[in-house]
Amino acid sequence: LIVPKTEVVASATIEDEKYTFYEVKPKEGFY
């Protein structure tokens, strides 16, 4: 795949089963 050269985290997987992924929706901020 074509991707940016710079990585922001080391792994593309989550080894700990206690965690999952979430995609930020439009207009969602920290609050």
PDB file of all heavy atoms in Angstrom:
ATOM      1  N   LEU A   1       0.832  -1.200   0.000  1.00  0.00           N
ATOM      2  CA  LEU A   1       0.000   0.000   0.000  1.00  0.00           C
ATOM      3  C   LEU A   1       0.868   1.250   0.000  1.00  0.00           C
ATOM      4  O   LEU A   1       1.974   1.259   0.538  1.00  0.00           O
ATOM      5  CB  LEU A   1      -0.897   0.018   1.242  1.00  0.00           C
ATOM      6  CG  LEU A   1      -1.815  -1.192   1.465  1.00  0.00           C
ATOM      7  CD1 LEU A   1      -2.587  -1.013   2.761  1.00  0.00           C
ATOM      8  CD2 LEU A   1      -2.761  -1.383   0.286  1.00  0.00           C
ATOM      9  N   ILE A   2       0.346   2.307  -0.612  1.00  0.00           N
ATOM     10  CA  ILE A   2       1.002   3.615  -0.562  1.00  0.00           C
ATOM     11  C   ILE A   2       0.576   4.302   0.733  1.00  0.00           C
ATOM     12  O   ILE A   2      -0.614   4.427   1.020  1.00  0.00           O
ATOM     13  CB  ILE A   2       0.619   4.479  -1.771  1.00  0.00           C
ATOM     14  CG1 ILE A   2       1.099   3.810  -3.061  1.00  0.00           C
ATOM     15  CG2 ILE A   2       1.204   5.873  -1.653  1.00  0.00           C
ATOM     16  CD1 ILE A   2       0.612   4.499  -4.316  1.00  0.00           C
ATOM     17  N   VAL A   3       1.544   4.754   1.508  1.00  0.00           N
ATOM     18  CA  VAL A   3       1.282   5.384   2.804  1.00  0.00           C
ATOM     19  C   VAL A   3       2.288   6.510   3.009  1.00  0.00           C
ATOM     20  O   VAL A   3       3.302   6.577   2.312  1.00  0.00           O
ATOM     21  CB  VAL A   3       1.420   4.365   3.959  1.00  0.00           C
ATOM     22  CG1 VAL A   3       0.348   3.296   3.894  1.00  0.00           C
ATOM     23  CG2 VAL A   3       2.818   3.743   3.953  1.00  0.00           C
ATOM     24  N   PRO A   4       2.032   7.414   3.961  1.00  0.00           N
ATOM     25  CA  PRO A   4       3.063   8.405   4.294  1.00  0.00           C
ATOM     26  C   PRO A   4       4.322   7.722   4.803  1.00  0.00           C
ATOM     27  O   PRO A   4       4.258   6.622   5.375  1.00  0.00           O
ATOM     28  CB  PRO A   4       2.400   9.241   5.395  1.00  0.00           C
ATOM     29  CG  PRO A   4       0.940   9.064   5.166  1.00  0.00           C
ATOM     30  CD  PRO A   4       0.773   7.660   4.676  1.00  0.00           C
ATOM     31  N   LYS A   5       5.471   8.340   4.595  1.00  0.00           N
ATOM     32  CA  LYS A   5       6.728   7.734   5.045  1.00  0.00           C
ATOM     33  C   LYS A   5       6.833   7.694   6.562  1.00  0.00           C
ATOM     34  O   LYS A   5       7.435   6.794   7.129  1.00  0.00           O
ATOM     35  CB  LYS A   5       7.915   8.513   4.470  1.00  0.00           C
ATOM     36  CG  LYS A   5       8.267   8.143   3.041  1.00  0.00           C
ATOM     37  CD  LYS A   5       9.563   8.829   2.611  1.00  0.00           C
ATOM     38  CE  LYS A   5       9.971   8.392   1.203  1.00  0.00           C
ATOM     39  NZ  LYS A   5      11.224   9.046   0.770  1.00  0.00           N
ATOM     40  N   THR A   6       6.241   8.681   7.226  1.00  0.00           N
ATOM     41  CA  THR A   6       6.404   8.802   8.673  1.00  0.00           C
ATOM     42  C   THR A   6       5.367   7.991   9.422  1.00  0.00           C
ATOM     43  O   THR A   6       4.168   8.096   9.155  1.00  0.00           O
ATOM     44  CB  THR A   6       6.301  10.276   9.109  1.00  0.00           C
ATOM     45  OG1 THR A   6       7.245  11.045   8.374  1.00  0.00           O
ATOM     46  CG2 THR A   6       6.568  10.423  10.598  1.00  0.00           C
ATOM     47  N   GLU A   7       5.800   7.177  10.376  1.00  0.00           N
ATOM     48  CA  GLU A   7       4.894   6.424  11.242  1.00  0.00           C
ATOM     49  C   GLU A   7       4.630   7.232  12.509  1.00  0.00           C
ATOM     50  O   GLU A   7       5.519   7.881  13.037  1.00  0.00           O
ATOM     51  CB  GLU A   7       5.518   5.085  11.635  1.00  0.00           C
ATOM     52  CG  GLU A   7       5.834   4.174  10.459  1.00  0.00           C
ATOM     53  CD  GLU A   7       6.522   2.890  10.918  1.00  0.00           C
ATOM     54  OE1 GLU A   7       6.691   2.723  12.155  1.00  0.00           O
ATOM     55  OE2 GLU A   7       6.880   2.065  10.064  1.00  0.00           O
ATOM     56  N   VAL A   8       3.381   7.173  13.008  1.00  0.00           N
ATOM     57  CA  VAL A   8       3.072   7.863  14.266  1.00  0.00           C
ATOM     58  C   VAL A   8       2.963   6.887  15.433  1.00  0.00           C
ATOM     59  O   VAL A   8       3.064   7.275  16.592  1.00  0.00           O
ATOM     60  CB  VAL A   8       1.778   8.694  14.149  1.00  0.00           C
ATOM     61  CG1 VAL A   8       1.931   9.783  13.113  1.00  0.00           C
ATOM     62  CG2 VAL A   8       0.582   7.818  13.825  1.00  0.00           C
ATOM     63  N   VAL A   9       2.719   5.602  15.128  1.00  0.00           N
ATOM     64  CA  VAL A   9       2.777   4.544  16.148  1.00  0.00           C
ATOM     65  C   VAL A   9       3.535   3.377  15.556  1.00  0.00           C
ATOM     66  O   VAL A   9       3.644   3.235  14.334  1.00  0.00           O
ATOM     67  CB  VAL A   9       1.373   4.091  16.613  1.00  0.00           C
ATOM     68  CG1 VAL A   9       0.669   5.193  17.372  1.00  0.00           C
ATOM     69  CG2 VAL A   9       0.526   3.623  15.440  1.00  0.00           C
ATOM     70  N   ALA A  10       4.050   2.521  16.414  1.00  0.00           N
ATOM     71  CA  ALA A  10       4.946   1.467  15.950  1.00  0.00           C
ATOM     72  C   ALA A  10       4.218   0.330  15.242  1.00  0.00           C
ATOM     73  O   ALA A  10       4.743  -0.254  14.296  1.00  0.00           O
ATOM     74  CB  ALA A  10       5.746   0.917  17.132  1.00  0.00           C
ATOM     75  N   SER A  11       3.007   0.006  15.687  1.00  0.00           N
ATOM     76  CA  SER A  11       2.347  -1.193  15.175  1.00  0.00           C
ATOM     77  C   SER A  11       0.997  -0.862  14.573  1.00  0.00           C
ATOM     78  O   SER A  11       0.323   0.088  14.983  1.00  0.00           O
ATOM     79  CB  SER A  11       2.160  -2.209  16.317  1.00  0.00           C
ATOM     80  OG  SER A  11       1.423  -3.331  15.883  1.00  0.00           O
ATOM     81  N   ALA A  12       0.597  -1.661  13.583  1.00  0.00           N
ATOM     82  CA  ALA A  12      -0.714  -1.497  12.956  1.00  0.00           C
ATOM     83  C   ALA A  12      -1.739  -2.442  13.564  1.00  0.00           C
ATOM     84  O   ALA A  12      -2.872  -2.527  13.099  1.00  0.00           O
ATOM     85  CB  ALA A  12      -0.614  -1.742  11.451  1.00  0.00           C
ATOM     86  N   THR A  13      -1.352  -3.169  14.595  1.00  0.00           N
ATOM     87  CA  THR A  13      -2.274  -4.086  15.270  1.00  0.00           C
ATOM     88  C   THR A  13      -2.341  -3.739  16.749  1.00  0.00           C
ATOM     89  O   THR A  13      -1.477  -3.065  17.290  1.00  0.00           O
ATOM     90  CB  THR A  13      -1.823  -5.552  15.111  1.00  0.00           C
ATOM     91  OG1 THR A  13      -0.507  -5.695  15.672  1.00  0.00           O
ATOM     92  CG2 THR A  13      -1.802  -5.960  13.653  1.00  0.00           C
ATOM     93  N   ILE A  14      -3.384  -4.217  17.403  1.00  0.00           N
ATOM     94  CA  ILE A  14      -3.537  -4.064  18.844  1.00  0.00           C
ATOM     95  C   ILE A  14      -3.448  -5.450  19.465  1.00  0.00           C
ATOM     96  O   ILE A  14      -4.332  -6.290  19.269  1.00  0.00           O
ATOM     97  CB  ILE A  14      -4.883  -3.403  19.200  1.00  0.00           C
ATOM     98  CG1 ILE A  14      -4.928  -1.977  18.670  1.00  0.00           C
ATOM     99  CG2 ILE A  14      -5.099  -3.392  20.711  1.00  0.00           C
ATOM    100  CD1 ILE A  14      -6.224  -1.241  18.969  1.00  0.00           C
ATOM    101  N   GLU A  15      -2.365  -5.683  20.181  1.00  0.00           N
ATOM    102  CA  GLU A  15      -2.156  -7.006  20.768  1.00  0.00           C
ATOM    103  C   GLU A  15      -3.034  -7.230  21.996  1.00  0.00           C
ATOM    104  O   GLU A  15      -3.465  -8.343  22.273  1.00  0.00           O
ATOM    105  CB  GLU A  15      -0.680  -7.172  21.145  1.00  0.00           C
ATOM    106  CG  GLU A  15       0.287  -7.052  19.974  1.00  0.00           C
ATOM    107  CD  GLU A  15       0.034  -8.095  18.893  1.00  0.00           C
ATOM    108  OE1 GLU A  15      -0.452  -9.195  19.230  1.00  0.00           O
ATOM    109  OE2 GLU A  15       0.320  -7.814  17.715  1.00  0.00           O
ATOM    110  N   ASP A  16      -3.285  -6.161  22.755  1.00  0.00           N
ATOM    111  CA  ASP A  16      -4.085  -6.275  23.974  1.00  0.00           C
ATOM    112  C   ASP A  16      -5.565  -6.328  23.606  1.00  0.00           C
ATOM    113  O   ASP A  16      -6.108  -5.409  22.992  1.00  0.00           O
ATOM    114  CB  ASP A  16      -3.818  -5.075  24.889  1.00  0.00           C
ATOM    115  CG  ASP A  16      -4.370  -5.282  26.285  1.00  0.00           C
ATOM    116  OD1 ASP A  16      -5.335  -6.052  26.436  1.00  0.00           O
ATOM    117  OD2 ASP A  16      -3.843  -4.663  27.229  1.00  0.00           O
ATOM    118  N   GLU A  17      -6.243  -7.416  23.975  1.00  0.00           N
ATOM    119  CA  GLU A  17      -7.639  -7.599  23.609  1.00  0.00           C
ATOM    120  C   GLU A  17      -8.578  -6.629  24.311  1.00  0.00           C
ATOM    121  O   GLU A  17      -9.770  -6.570  24.008  1.00  0.00           O
ATOM    122  CB  GLU A  17      -8.074  -9.038  23.906  1.00  0.00           C
ATOM    123  CG  GLU A  17      -7.360 -10.073  23.049  1.00  0.00           C
ATOM    124  CD  GLU A  17      -7.863 -11.477  23.310  1.00  0.00           C
ATOM    125  OE1 GLU A  17      -8.697 -11.635  24.224  1.00  0.00           O
ATOM    126  OE2 GLU A  17      -7.424 -12.403  22.608  1.00  0.00           O
ATOM    127  N   LYS A  18      -8.054  -5.847  25.262  1.00  0.00           N
ATOM    128  CA  LYS A  18      -8.896  -4.894  25.985  1.00  0.00           C
ATOM    129  C   LYS A  18      -9.160  -3.627  25.171  1.00  0.00           C
ATOM    130  O   LYS A  18      -9.945  -2.784  25.583  1.00  0.00           O
ATOM    131  CB  LYS A  18      -8.240  -4.508  27.320  1.00  0.00           C
ATOM    132  CG  LYS A  18      -8.119  -5.650  28.312  1.00  0.00           C
ATOM    133  CD  LYS A  18      -7.465  -5.172  29.594  1.00  0.00           C
ATOM    134  CE  LYS A  18      -7.324  -6.317  30.598  1.00  0.00           C
ATOM    135  NZ  LYS A  18      -6.653  -5.866  31.847  1.00  0.00           N
ATOM    136  N   TYR A  19      -8.497  -3.503  24.006  1.00  0.00           N
ATOM    137  CA  TYR A  19      -8.606  -2.272  23.228  1.00  0.00           C
ATOM    138  C   TYR A  19      -9.143  -2.556  21.826  1.00  0.00           C
ATOM    139  O   TYR A  19      -9.088  -3.685  21.328  1.00  0.00           O
ATOM    140  CB  TYR A  19      -7.249  -1.575  23.125  1.00  0.00           C
ATOM    141  CG  TYR A  19      -6.704  -1.131  24.462  1.00  0.00           C
ATOM    142  CD1 TYR A  19      -5.850  -1.959  25.188  1.00  0.00           C
ATOM    143  CD2 TYR A  19      -7.064   0.092  25.009  1.00  0.00           C
ATOM    144  CE1 TYR A  19      -5.359  -1.570  26.427  1.00  0.00           C
ATOM    145  CE2 TYR A  19      -6.579   0.485  26.241  1.00  0.00           C
ATOM    146  CZ  TYR A  19      -5.726  -0.346  26.947  1.00  0.00           C
ATOM    147  OH  TYR A  19      -5.253   0.044  28.174  1.00  0.00           O
ATOM    148  N   THR A  20      -9.658  -1.498  21.209  1.00  0.00           N
ATOM    149  CA  THR A  20     -10.149  -1.600  19.844  1.00  0.00           C
ATOM    150  C   THR A  20      -9.934  -0.259  19.148  1.00  0.00           C
ATOM    151  O   THR A  20      -9.381   0.668  19.729  1.00  0.00           O
ATOM    152  CB  THR A  20     -11.649  -1.984  19.823  1.00  0.00           C
ATOM    153  OG1 THR A  20     -12.049  -2.249  18.480  1.00  0.00           O
ATOM    154  CG2 THR A  20     -12.510  -0.873  20.407  1.00  0.00           C
ATOM    155  N   PHE A  21     -10.364  -0.157  17.872  1.00  0.00           N
ATOM    156  CA  PHE A  21     -10.190   1.069  17.109  1.00  0.00           C
ATOM    157  C   PHE A  21     -11.495   1.857  17.065  1.00  0.00           C
ATOM    158  O   PHE A  21     -12.591   1.287  17.087  1.00  0.00           O
ATOM    159  CB  PHE A  21      -9.754   0.761  15.671  1.00  0.00           C
ATOM    160  CG  PHE A  21      -8.364   0.187  15.562  1.00  0.00           C
ATOM    161  CD1 PHE A  21      -8.149  -1.071  15.017  1.00  0.00           C
ATOM    162  CD2 PHE A  21      -7.265   0.910  15.999  1.00  0.00           C
ATOM    163  CE1 PHE A  21      -6.879  -1.602  14.913  1.00  0.00           C
ATOM    164  CE2 PHE A  21      -5.981   0.395  15.894  1.00  0.00           C
ATOM    165  CZ  PHE A  21      -5.795  -0.870  15.359  1.00  0.00           C
ATOM    166  N   TYR A  22     -11.361   3.178  16.968  1.00  0.00           N
ATOM    167  CA  TYR A  22     -12.531   4.052  16.806  1.00  0.00           C
ATOM    168  C   TYR A  22     -12.195   5.121  15.773  1.00  0.00           C
ATOM    169  O   TYR A  22     -11.116   5.720  15.823  1.00  0.00           O
ATOM    170  CB  TYR A  22     -12.908   4.720  18.129  1.00  0.00           C
ATOM    171  CG  TYR A  22     -14.035   5.720  17.979  1.00  0.00           C
ATOM    172  CD1 TYR A  22     -15.359   5.303  17.900  1.00  0.00           C
ATOM    173  CD2 TYR A  22     -13.769   7.087  17.863  1.00  0.00           C
ATOM    174  CE1 TYR A  22     -16.389   6.206  17.734  1.00  0.00           C
ATOM    175  CE2 TYR A  22     -14.801   8.006  17.696  1.00  0.00           C
ATOM    176  CZ  TYR A  22     -16.107   7.560  17.636  1.00  0.00           C
ATOM    177  OH  TYR A  22     -17.127   8.452  17.462  1.00  0.00           O
ATOM    178  N   GLU A  23     -13.109   5.370  14.831  1.00  0.00           N
ATOM    179  CA  GLU A  23     -12.911   6.379  13.796  1.00  0.00           C
ATOM    180  C   GLU A  23     -13.642   7.657  14.187  1.00  0.00           C
ATOM    181  O   GLU A  23     -14.852   7.651  14.437  1.00  0.00           O
ATOM    182  CB  GLU A  23     -13.438   5.875  12.449  1.00  0.00           C
ATOM    183  CG  GLU A  23     -13.206   6.856  11.310  1.00  0.00           C
ATOM    184  CD  GLU A  23     -13.692   6.326   9.961  1.00  0.00           C
ATOM    185  OE1 GLU A  23     -14.379   5.280   9.944  1.00  0.00           O
ATOM    186  OE2 GLU A  23     -13.395   6.956   8.940  1.00  0.00           O
ATOM    187  N   VAL A  24     -12.916   8.768  14.257  1.00  0.00           N
ATOM    188  CA  VAL A  24     -13.489  10.052  14.649  1.00  0.00           C
ATOM    189  C   VAL A  24     -14.477  10.528  13.587  1.00  0.00           C
ATOM    190  O   VAL A  24     -14.148  10.575  12.400  1.00  0.00           O
ATOM    191  CB  VAL A  24     -12.385  11.116  14.854  1.00  0.00           C
ATOM    192  CG1 VAL A  24     -13.004  12.465  15.204  1.00  0.00           C
ATOM    193  CG2 VAL A  24     -11.425  10.661  15.948  1.00  0.00           C
ATOM    194  N   LYS A  25     -15.672  10.886  14.025  1.00  0.00           N
ATOM    195  CA  LYS A  25     -16.731  11.324  13.115  1.00  0.00           C
ATOM    196  C   LYS A  25     -16.645  12.830  12.863  1.00  0.00           C
ATOM    197  O   LYS A  25     -15.957  13.555  13.571  1.00  0.00           O
ATOM    198  CB  LYS A  25     -18.100  10.975  13.716  1.00  0.00           C
ATOM    199  CG  LYS A  25     -18.271   9.512  14.057  1.00  0.00           C
ATOM    200  CD  LYS A  25     -18.169   8.633  12.829  1.00  0.00           C
ATOM    201  CE  LYS A  25     -18.457   7.175  13.148  1.00  0.00           C
ATOM    202  NZ  LYS A  25     -17.453   6.539  14.008  1.00  0.00           N
ATOM    203  N   PRO A  26     -17.369  13.335  11.838  1.00  0.00           N
ATOM    204  CA  PRO A  26     -17.338  14.780  11.554  1.00  0.00           C
ATOM    205  C   PRO A  26     -17.742  15.603  12.778  1.00  0.00           C
ATOM    206  O   PRO A  26     -18.671  15.239  13.496  1.00  0.00           O
ATOM    207  CB  PRO A  26     -18.369  14.935  10.418  1.00  0.00           C
ATOM    208  CG  PRO A  26     -18.391  13.599   9.747  1.00  0.00           C
ATOM    209  CD  PRO A  26     -18.171  12.598  10.844  1.00  0.00           C
ATOM    210  N   LYS A  27     -17.014  16.693  13.010  1.00  0.00           N
ATOM    211  CA  LYS A  27     -17.285  17.659  14.074  1.00  0.00           C
ATOM    212  C   LYS A  27     -17.071  17.106  15.476  1.00  0.00           C
ATOM    213  O   LYS A  27     -17.461  17.732  16.458  1.00  0.00           O
ATOM    214  CB  LYS A  27     -18.706  18.227  13.946  1.00  0.00           C
ATOM    215  CG  LYS A  27     -18.957  18.966  12.641  1.00  0.00           C
ATOM    216  CD  LYS A  27     -20.351  19.556  12.609  1.00  0.00           C
ATOM    217  CE  LYS A  27     -20.600  20.290  11.297  1.00  0.00           C
ATOM    218  NZ  LYS A  27     -21.952  20.883  11.228  1.00  0.00           N
ATOM    219  N   GLU A  28     -16.477  15.922  15.601  1.00  0.00           N
ATOM    220  CA  GLU A  28     -16.214  15.378  16.932  1.00  0.00           C
ATOM    221  C   GLU A  28     -14.890  15.922  17.461  1.00  0.00           C
ATOM    222  O   GLU A  28     -13.853  15.781  16.828  1.00  0.00           O
ATOM    223  CB  GLU A  28     -16.175  13.848  16.908  1.00  0.00           C
ATOM    224  CG  GLU A  28     -17.540  13.215  16.874  1.00  0.00           C
ATOM    225  CD  GLU A  28     -17.499  11.714  17.035  1.00  0.00           C
ATOM    226  OE1 GLU A  28     -16.483  11.088  16.687  1.00  0.00           O
ATOM    227  OE2 GLU A  28     -18.504  11.147  17.493  1.00  0.00           O
ATOM    228  N   GLY A  29     -14.957  16.553  18.607  1.00  0.00           N
ATOM    229  CA  GLY A  29     -13.771  17.007  19.303  1.00  0.00           C
ATOM    230  C   GLY A  29     -13.623  16.226  20.594  1.00  0.00           C
ATOM    231  O   GLY A  29     -14.356  15.262  20.856  1.00  0.00           O
ATOM    232  N   PHE A  30     -12.676  16.641  21.425  1.00  0.00           N
ATOM    233  CA  PHE A  30     -12.434  15.915  22.670  1.00  0.00           C
ATOM    234  C   PHE A  30     -13.665  15.927  23.566  1.00  0.00           C
ATOM    235  O   PHE A  30     -13.954  14.931  24.227  1.00  0.00           O
ATOM    236  CB  PHE A  30     -11.239  16.528  23.413  1.00  0.00           C
ATOM    237  CG  PHE A  30      -9.917  16.201  22.794  1.00  0.00           C
ATOM    238  CD1 PHE A  30      -9.143  17.181  22.205  1.00  0.00           C
ATOM    239  CD2 PHE A  30      -9.446  14.893  22.796  1.00  0.00           C
ATOM    240  CE1 PHE A  30      -7.914  16.881  21.633  1.00  0.00           C
ATOM    241  CE2 PHE A  30      -8.217  14.576  22.224  1.00  0.00           C
ATOM    242  CZ  PHE A  30      -7.455  15.570  21.639  1.00  0.00           C
ATOM    243  N   TYR A  31     -14.405  17.045  23.578  1.00  0.00           N
ATOM    244  CA  TYR A  31     -15.561  17.094  24.463  1.00  0.00           C
ATOM    245  C   TYR A  31     -16.639  16.112  24.030  1.00  0.00           C
ATOM    246  O   TYR A  31     -17.196  15.371  24.849  1.00  0.00           O
ATOM    247  CB  TYR A  31     -16.148  18.510  24.546  1.00  0.00           C
ATOM    248  CG  TYR A  31     -17.328  18.525  25.476  1.00  0.00           C
ATOM    249  CD1 TYR A  31     -17.136  18.502  26.853  1.00  0.00           C
ATOM    250  CD2 TYR A  31     -18.623  18.470  24.987  1.00  0.00           C
ATOM    251  CE1 TYR A  31     -18.209  18.451  27.718  1.00  0.00           C
ATOM    252  CE2 TYR A  31     -19.694  18.421  25.846  1.00  0.00           C
ATOM    253  CZ  TYR A  31     -19.486  18.411  27.209  1.00  0.00           C
ATOM    254  OH  TYR A  31     -20.556  18.333  28.061  1.00  0.00           O
TER     255      TYR A  31
END
